[in-house]
Amino acid sequence: IGPSGCGKTTTLKLINKLIEPTSGEIYIDGKAISKEDPIKLRRNIGYVIQNIGLFPHLTIKENIELIPKLKGEKTEQEISDNTERLIKMVGLDPDEFLYKYPSELSGGQQQRIGVIRAIATDADIILMDEPFGAIDEITRKLLQDEILKIYKEYNMTIIFITHDIKEALKLGTRIMVMDKGELIQIDTPEQ
């Protein structure tokens, strides 16, 4: 959490190797990411951005299944079954939504698809860059609850950027406060 321009999005881009650090090293599971192939690294990190980033020319099903198919670690049937399970998990009917295009969904529905697309990668880490910033308050609370359920069910690391202190306190197990490119505090929500 922190004000605009403090370095939150830059931090996510560094983790995802979209930009290189000018100094220092970033480690994931004890491995320096500077030595990792960026494509392979990114396929194992889910990324949800504020404007969702769904591919407009692909159906919802194709958007969700793109990375799992590229990784080639599961059969077509396993990928399809997982897609149906995930879309149901966020309260959307697979028969109604899987063959629609992003433009046919509301902003909140698109955001749900963005979240489950990241989960479908079987990533250990999901990066979320203000994913609920442009969503109405009611949908935002529903999505926050879904993120908590997903976190508990999958026990994955989610790095979640927000400007909203209430959101940080609700979703965070550890909160990092940033200002002007500096780390101010990392602590539990209670602290």
Protein backbone atom coordinates (compact mmCIF):
# COMPACT_ATOMS: atom_id res chain seq x y z
CA ILE A 1 0.00 0.00 0.00
CA GLY A 2 1.10 3.54 -0.67
CA PRO A 3 0.34 6.67 -2.66
CA SER A 4 0.54 6.89 -6.45
CA GLY A 5 4.11 6.96 -7.71
CA CYS A 6 5.64 5.29 -4.64
CA GLY A 7 6.88 2.18 -6.50
CA LYS A 8 4.12 -0.40 -6.00
CA THR A 9 3.62 -1.29 -9.67
CA THR A 10 7.37 -1.11 -10.29
CA THR A 11 7.83 -3.72 -7.54
CA LEU A 12 5.41 -6.09 -9.30
CA LYS A 13 7.16 -5.51 -12.63
CA LEU A 14 10.49 -6.34 -10.99
CA ILE A 15 9.08 -9.58 -9.54
CA ASN A 16 7.64 -10.53 -12.94
CA LYS A 17 10.90 -9.56 -14.67
CA LEU A 18 9.17 -7.02 -16.89
CA ILE A 19 11.91 -4.60 -15.84
CA GLU A 20 15.38 -5.36 -14.53
CA PRO A 21 16.62 -4.02 -11.19
CA THR A 22 19.42 -1.44 -11.33
CA SER A 23 21.00 -3.17 -8.35
CA GLY A 24 20.31 -6.03 -5.98
CA GLU A 25 18.64 -9.36 -6.62
CA ILE A 26 15.12 -10.78 -6.39
CA TYR A 27 14.68 -14.34 -5.15
CA ILE A 28 11.69 -16.65 -5.52
CA ASP A 29 11.92 -19.90 -3.55
CA GLY A 30 15.61 -19.23 -2.97
CA LYS A 31 16.41 -18.84 -6.68
CA ALA A 32 17.67 -15.60 -8.17
CA ILE A 33 15.22 -14.62 -10.91
CA SER A 34 18.00 -12.90 -12.88
CA LYS A 35 19.08 -16.41 -13.89
CA GLU A 36 15.56 -17.50 -14.87
CA ASP A 37 14.15 -17.44 -18.40
CA PRO A 38 11.62 -14.55 -18.33
CA ILE A 39 8.99 -16.43 -20.35
CA LYS A 40 9.18 -19.50 -18.12
CA LEU A 41 9.14 -17.30 -15.01
CA ARG A 42 6.05 -15.38 -16.17
CA ARG A 43 4.16 -18.55 -17.02
CA ASN A 44 4.50 -19.53 -13.35
CA ILE A 45 3.37 -16.17 -11.97
CA GLY A 46 -0.24 -15.08 -12.28
CA TYR A 47 -0.71 -11.39 -13.03
CA VAL A 48 -3.97 -9.46 -12.61
CA ILE A 49 -3.96 -5.79 -13.61
CA GLN A 50 -6.47 -3.03 -12.95
CA ASN A 51 -7.75 -2.86 -16.50
CA ILE A 52 -7.99 -6.67 -16.45
CA GLY A 53 -5.99 -7.33 -19.64
CA LEU A 54 -8.26 -9.99 -21.14
CA PHE A 55 -7.61 -10.65 -24.82
CA PRO A 56 -10.65 -9.18 -26.60
CA HIS A 57 -10.46 -11.57 -29.58
CA LEU A 58 -10.52 -14.70 -27.40
CA THR A 59 -13.54 -16.20 -25.66
CA ILE A 60 -13.58 -16.34 -21.87
CA LYS A 61 -12.69 -20.04 -22.04
CA GLU A 62 -9.75 -19.31 -24.35
CA ASN A 63 -8.55 -16.48 -22.09
CA ILE A 64 -8.59 -18.73 -19.00
CA GLU A 65 -6.97 -21.71 -20.74
CA LEU A 66 -4.25 -19.90 -22.70
CA ILE A 67 -1.34 -20.28 -20.25
CA PRO A 68 -2.26 -23.80 -19.02
CA LYS A 69 -2.26 -24.96 -22.67
CA LEU A 70 1.06 -23.20 -23.37
CA LYS A 71 2.61 -24.88 -20.32
CA GLY A 72 1.46 -28.30 -21.59
CA GLU A 73 1.45 -29.85 -18.14
CA LYS A 74 -2.19 -31.03 -18.22
CA THR A 75 -4.47 -32.75 -20.70
CA GLU A 76 -7.12 -30.78 -22.59
CA GLN A 77 -9.79 -32.42 -20.41
CA GLU A 78 -8.01 -31.54 -17.16
CA ILE A 79 -7.67 -27.92 -18.31
CA SER A 80 -11.33 -27.77 -19.35
CA ASP A 81 -12.52 -29.31 -16.06
CA ASN A 82 -10.39 -26.85 -14.08
CA THR A 83 -11.79 -23.92 -16.10
CA GLU A 84 -15.37 -24.97 -15.29
CA ARG A 85 -14.55 -25.41 -11.60
CA LEU A 86 -12.87 -22.01 -11.38
CA ILE A 87 -15.64 -20.10 -13.15
CA LYS A 88 -18.21 -21.69 -10.82
CA MET A 89 -16.02 -20.75 -7.85
CA VAL A 90 -16.43 -17.05 -8.68
CA GLY A 91 -20.18 -17.40 -9.07
CA LEU A 92 -20.44 -17.44 -12.87
CA ASP A 93 -22.32 -20.10 -14.87
CA PRO A 94 -19.97 -21.88 -17.30
CA ASP A 95 -22.75 -22.48 -19.86
CA GLU A 96 -23.58 -18.78 -19.89
CA PHE A 97 -20.08 -17.25 -19.79
CA LEU A 98 -17.37 -19.52 -21.24
CA TYR A 99 -18.14 -18.81 -24.89
CA LYS A 100 -18.73 -15.08 -24.54
CA TYR A 101 -16.12 -12.47 -25.36
CA PRO A 102 -14.80 -9.97 -22.79
CA SER A 103 -16.81 -7.10 -24.30
CA GLU A 104 -20.01 -9.02 -23.49
CA LEU A 105 -19.26 -9.03 -19.73
CA SER A 106 -19.61 -6.33 -17.11
CA GLY A 107 -16.49 -4.88 -15.48
CA GLY A 108 -16.99 -6.98 -12.36
CA GLN A 109 -17.46 -10.15 -14.40
CA GLN A 110 -14.33 -9.38 -16.42
CA GLN A 111 -12.40 -8.83 -13.19
CA ARG A 112 -13.51 -12.24 -11.90
CA ILE A 113 -12.26 -13.81 -15.13
CA GLY A 114 -8.94 -11.97 -14.75
CA VAL A 115 -8.53 -13.40 -11.25
CA ILE A 116 -9.35 -16.99 -12.21
CA ARG A 117 -7.19 -16.73 -15.34
CA ALA A 118 -4.26 -16.03 -13.01
CA ILE A 119 -5.22 -18.95 -10.74
CA ALA A 120 -5.59 -21.31 -13.72
CA THR A 121 -1.84 -21.02 -14.35
CA ASP A 122 -1.26 -23.09 -11.16
CA ALA A 123 1.08 -20.33 -10.10
CA ASP A 124 2.65 -20.25 -6.67
CA ILE A 125 2.54 -16.45 -6.82
CA ILE A 126 -0.18 -14.15 -8.08
CA LEU A 127 0.53 -10.47 -8.59
CA MET A 128 -2.52 -8.19 -8.38
CA ASP A 129 -2.08 -4.56 -9.37
CA GLU A 130 -5.08 -2.67 -7.97
CA PRO A 131 -7.42 -5.24 -9.50
CA PHE A 132 -10.56 -3.75 -7.96
CA GLY A 133 -9.76 -0.08 -8.45
CA ALA A 134 -12.38 0.55 -11.14
CA ILE A 135 -15.17 -1.57 -9.68
CA ASP A 136 -18.26 -0.51 -7.73
CA GLU A 137 -18.21 -0.98 -3.94
CA ILE A 138 -20.64 -3.95 -3.83
CA THR A 139 -18.74 -5.95 -6.47
CA ARG A 140 -15.46 -4.97 -4.81
CA LYS A 141 -16.54 -6.48 -1.48
CA LEU A 142 -17.69 -9.68 -3.24
CA LEU A 143 -14.37 -9.99 -5.06
CA GLN A 144 -12.43 -9.34 -1.85
CA ASP A 145 -14.31 -12.21 -0.21
CA GLU A 146 -13.56 -14.43 -3.20
CA ILE A 147 -9.85 -13.56 -2.99
CA LEU A 148 -9.85 -14.57 0.68
CA LYS A 149 -11.51 -17.90 -0.21
CA ILE A 150 -9.02 -18.51 -3.02
CA TYR A 151 -6.08 -17.67 -0.76
CA LYS A 152 -7.29 -20.10 1.90
CA GLU A 153 -8.16 -22.88 -0.56
CA TYR A 154 -4.98 -22.70 -2.64
CA ASN A 155 -2.57 -21.39 0.03
CA MET A 156 -0.72 -19.35 -2.58
CA THR A 157 1.26 -16.16 -2.26
CA ILE A 158 -0.75 -13.19 -3.47
CA ILE A 159 0.96 -9.82 -3.75
CA PHE A 160 -1.88 -7.32 -3.85
CA ILE A 161 -1.43 -3.61 -4.56
CA THR A 162 -4.03 -1.20 -3.25
CA HIS A 163 -4.50 2.43 -2.24
CA ASP A 164 -7.27 1.38 0.18
CA ILE A 165 -6.08 0.78 3.75
CA LYS A 166 -9.33 -1.06 4.63
CA GLU A 167 -8.75 -3.43 1.71
CA ALA A 168 -5.13 -3.99 2.79
CA LEU A 169 -6.21 -4.74 6.35
CA LYS A 170 -8.97 -7.10 5.20
CA LEU A 171 -6.89 -9.07 2.69
CA GLY A 172 -3.34 -8.87 3.99
CA THR A 173 -1.47 -11.26 6.22
CA ARG A 174 1.56 -8.97 5.89
CA ILE A 175 1.36 -5.38 4.72
CA MET A 176 4.17 -3.41 3.14
CA VAL A 177 3.81 0.37 3.27
CA MET A 178 5.75 2.30 0.62
CA ASP A 179 6.39 5.99 0.02
CA LYS A 180 8.59 7.72 -2.58
CA GLY A 181 10.21 4.47 -3.67
CA GLU A 182 11.10 3.49 -0.12
CA LEU A 183 9.89 0.75 2.15
CA ILE A 184 8.41 2.35 5.26
CA GLN A 185 7.14 -0.72 7.14
CA ILE A 186 6.39 -4.43 6.66
CA ASP A 187 4.22 -5.92 9.35
CA THR A 188 1.04 -7.75 10.26
CA PRO A 189 -2.30 -5.96 9.82
CA GLU A 190 -2.54 -5.62 13.60
CA GLN A 191 0.76 -3.75 13.77
